[in-house]
Amino acid sequence: MTRRSKKIGLVFALLAMIIFGTWPFWKVLYLRTANPPLVERTKALVEAQPQLKPMWDEAMDDEILTRTEAVEIVERASEKVGEEE
C-alpha cells in the first residue's frame, strides 16, 4: 500500500467511527417520547376515530409513542397540539 492510500483509508476509518459512534447519542437526543397527557389524548382520539387506528398501530410498532408521531395523529384528527403538551 502506498502512503497516499493509507491516508485515505485512515480518513474513511475516522469518519466511519465518528458517524457510527455518535448514532446512539443522536437517536437518544432526537427521539423524545410523548408526555402522558398527550399519549392519553392521542389514545382517546384513536378510540373515537377508527380511521386513525392504522397510524396508531404503526406508531406503536416499537412500543414507544414519540412526540412527533403523537402530533401527526392529533393533527390528522383536525386538532392542534400546544407547546406545553
C-alpha atoms as a PDB file:
ATOM      1  CA  MET A   1       0.000   0.000   0.000  1.00  0.00           C
ATOM      2  CA  THR A   2       1.187   3.434  -0.813  1.00  0.00           C
ATOM      3  CA  ARG A   3       1.327   6.230   1.683  1.00  0.00           C
ATOM      4  CA  ARG A   4      -1.498   8.046  -0.069  1.00  0.00           C
ATOM      5  CA  SER A   5      -3.878   5.056   0.100  1.00  0.00           C
ATOM      6  CA  LYS A   6      -3.096   4.655   3.815  1.00  0.00           C
ATOM      7  CA  LYS A   7      -4.052   8.289   4.455  1.00  0.00           C
ATOM      8  CA  ILE A   8      -7.290   7.917   2.515  1.00  0.00           C
ATOM      9  CA  GLY A   9      -8.110   4.725   4.419  1.00  0.00           C
ATOM     10  CA  LEU A  10      -7.385   6.456   7.711  1.00  0.00           C
ATOM     11  CA  VAL A  11      -9.675   9.352   6.840  1.00  0.00           C
ATOM     12  CA  PHE A  12     -12.504   6.979   5.906  1.00  0.00           C
ATOM     13  CA  ALA A  13     -11.983   4.951   9.073  1.00  0.00           C
ATOM     14  CA  LEU A  14     -12.110   8.071  11.245  1.00  0.00           C
ATOM     15  CA  LEU A  15     -15.265   9.305   9.500  1.00  0.00           C
ATOM     16  CA  ALA A  16     -16.928   5.920   9.976  1.00  0.00           C
ATOM     17  CA  MET A  17     -16.024   5.904  13.679  1.00  0.00           C
ATOM     18  CA  ILE A  18     -17.462   9.385  14.141  1.00  0.00           C
ATOM     19  CA  ILE A  19     -20.679   8.629  12.272  1.00  0.00           C
ATOM     20  CA  PHE A  20     -21.390   5.233  13.814  1.00  0.00           C
ATOM     21  CA  GLY A  21     -20.083   6.195  17.236  1.00  0.00           C
ATOM     22  CA  THR A  22     -22.412   9.172  17.602  1.00  0.00           C
ATOM     23  CA  TRP A  23     -25.519   7.453  16.175  1.00  0.00           C
ATOM     24  CA  PRO A  24     -26.819   6.150  19.558  1.00  0.00           C
ATOM     25  CA  PHE A  25     -26.412   9.583  21.163  1.00  0.00           C
ATOM     26  CA  TRP A  26     -28.183  11.307  18.271  1.00  0.00           C
ATOM     27  CA  LYS A  27     -31.028   8.817  18.468  1.00  0.00           C
ATOM     28  CA  VAL A  28     -31.489   9.417  22.203  1.00  0.00           C
ATOM     29  CA  LEU A  29     -31.389  13.184  21.809  1.00  0.00           C
ATOM     30  CA  TYR A  30     -33.880  13.446  18.960  1.00  0.00           C
ATOM     31  CA  LEU A  31     -36.397  10.747  19.884  1.00  0.00           C
ATOM     32  CA  ARG A  32     -38.495  12.440  22.530  1.00  0.00           C
ATOM     33  CA  THR A  33     -41.282  10.350  23.948  1.00  0.00           C
ATOM     34  CA  ALA A  34     -44.712  11.885  24.226  1.00  0.00           C
ATOM     35  CA  ASN A  35     -45.725  13.010  27.708  1.00  0.00           C
ATOM     36  CA  PRO A  36     -48.567  11.111  29.451  1.00  0.00           C
ATOM     37  CA  PRO A  37     -51.340  13.691  28.804  1.00  0.00           C
ATOM     38  CA  LEU A  38     -50.512  13.711  25.086  1.00  0.00           C
ATOM     39  CA  VAL A  39     -50.493   9.906  24.996  1.00  0.00           C
ATOM     40  CA  GLU A  40     -53.916   9.772  26.665  1.00  0.00           C
ATOM     41  CA  ARG A  41     -55.307  12.431  24.322  1.00  0.00           C
ATOM     42  CA  THR A  42     -53.991  10.561  21.304  1.00  0.00           C
ATOM     43  CA  LYS A  43     -55.355   7.251  22.565  1.00  0.00           C
ATOM     44  CA  ALA A  44     -58.795   8.825  23.122  1.00  0.00           C
ATOM     45  CA  LEU A  45     -58.788  10.271  19.600  1.00  0.00           C
ATOM     46  CA  VAL A  46     -57.878   6.888  18.112  1.00  0.00           C
ATOM     47  CA  GLU A  47     -60.703   5.226  20.026  1.00  0.00           C
ATOM     48  CA  ALA A  48     -63.163   7.909  18.872  1.00  0.00           C
ATOM     49  CA  GLN A  49     -61.995   7.881  15.243  1.00  0.00           C
ATOM     50  CA  PRO A  50     -61.227   4.353  13.994  1.00  0.00           C
ATOM     51  CA  GLN A  51     -59.640   5.637  10.760  1.00  0.00           C
ATOM     52  CA  LEU A  52     -56.643   6.713  12.878  1.00  0.00           C
ATOM     53  CA  LYS A  53     -56.029   3.134  14.079  1.00  0.00           C
ATOM     54  CA  PRO A  54     -53.503   2.277  11.296  1.00  0.00           C
ATOM     55  CA  MET A  55     -51.404   5.332  12.218  1.00  0.00           C
ATOM     56  CA  TRP A  56     -51.556   4.332  15.899  1.00  0.00           C
ATOM     57  CA  ASP A  57     -50.514   0.756  15.103  1.00  0.00           C
ATOM     58  CA  GLU A  58     -47.594   1.980  13.011  1.00  0.00           C
ATOM     59  CA  ALA A  59     -46.509   4.406  15.734  1.00  0.00           C
ATOM     60  CA  MET A  60     -46.677   1.689  18.381  1.00  0.00           C
ATOM     61  CA  ASP A  61     -44.624  -0.883  16.438  1.00  0.00           C
ATOM     62  CA  ASP A  62     -41.621  -0.091  18.625  1.00  0.00           C
ATOM     63  CA  GLU A  63     -43.868   0.226  21.728  1.00  0.00           C
ATOM     64  CA  ILE A  64     -42.862   3.881  22.181  1.00  0.00           C
ATOM     65  CA  LEU A  65     -45.052   6.770  21.116  1.00  0.00           C
ATOM     66  CA  THR A  66     -42.818   9.682  20.203  1.00  0.00           C
ATOM     67  CA  ARG A  67     -43.975  13.277  20.312  1.00  0.00           C
ATOM     68  CA  THR A  68     -43.704  13.548  16.528  1.00  0.00           C
ATOM     69  CA  GLU A  69     -45.923  10.509  15.981  1.00  0.00           C
ATOM     70  CA  ALA A  70     -48.483  11.739  18.503  1.00  0.00           C
ATOM     71  CA  VAL A  71     -48.612  15.206  16.924  1.00  0.00           C
ATOM     72  CA  GLU A  72     -49.183  13.657  13.475  1.00  0.00           C
ATOM     73  CA  ILE A  73     -52.100  11.592  14.784  1.00  0.00           C
ATOM     74  CA  VAL A  74     -53.670  14.529  16.633  1.00  0.00           C
ATOM     75  CA  GLU A  75     -53.321  16.829  13.624  1.00  0.00           C
ATOM     76  CA  ARG A  76     -54.829  14.155  11.352  1.00  0.00           C
ATOM     77  CA  ALA A  77     -57.846  14.315  13.682  1.00  0.00           C
ATOM     78  CA  SER A  78     -58.048  18.062  12.849  1.00  0.00           C
ATOM     79  CA  GLU A  79     -56.940  19.244  16.277  1.00  0.00           C
ATOM     80  CA  LYS A  80     -53.975  21.307  17.389  1.00  0.00           C
ATOM     81  CA  VAL A  81     -51.253  20.429  19.867  1.00  0.00           C
ATOM     82  CA  GLY A  82     -49.945  23.152  22.159  1.00  0.00           C
ATOM     83  CA  GLU A  83     -46.306  23.614  23.087  1.00  0.00           C
ATOM     84  CA  GLU A  84     -46.961  22.672  26.717  1.00  0.00           C
ATOM     85  CA  GLU A  85     -48.299  19.245  25.753  1.00  0.00           C
END
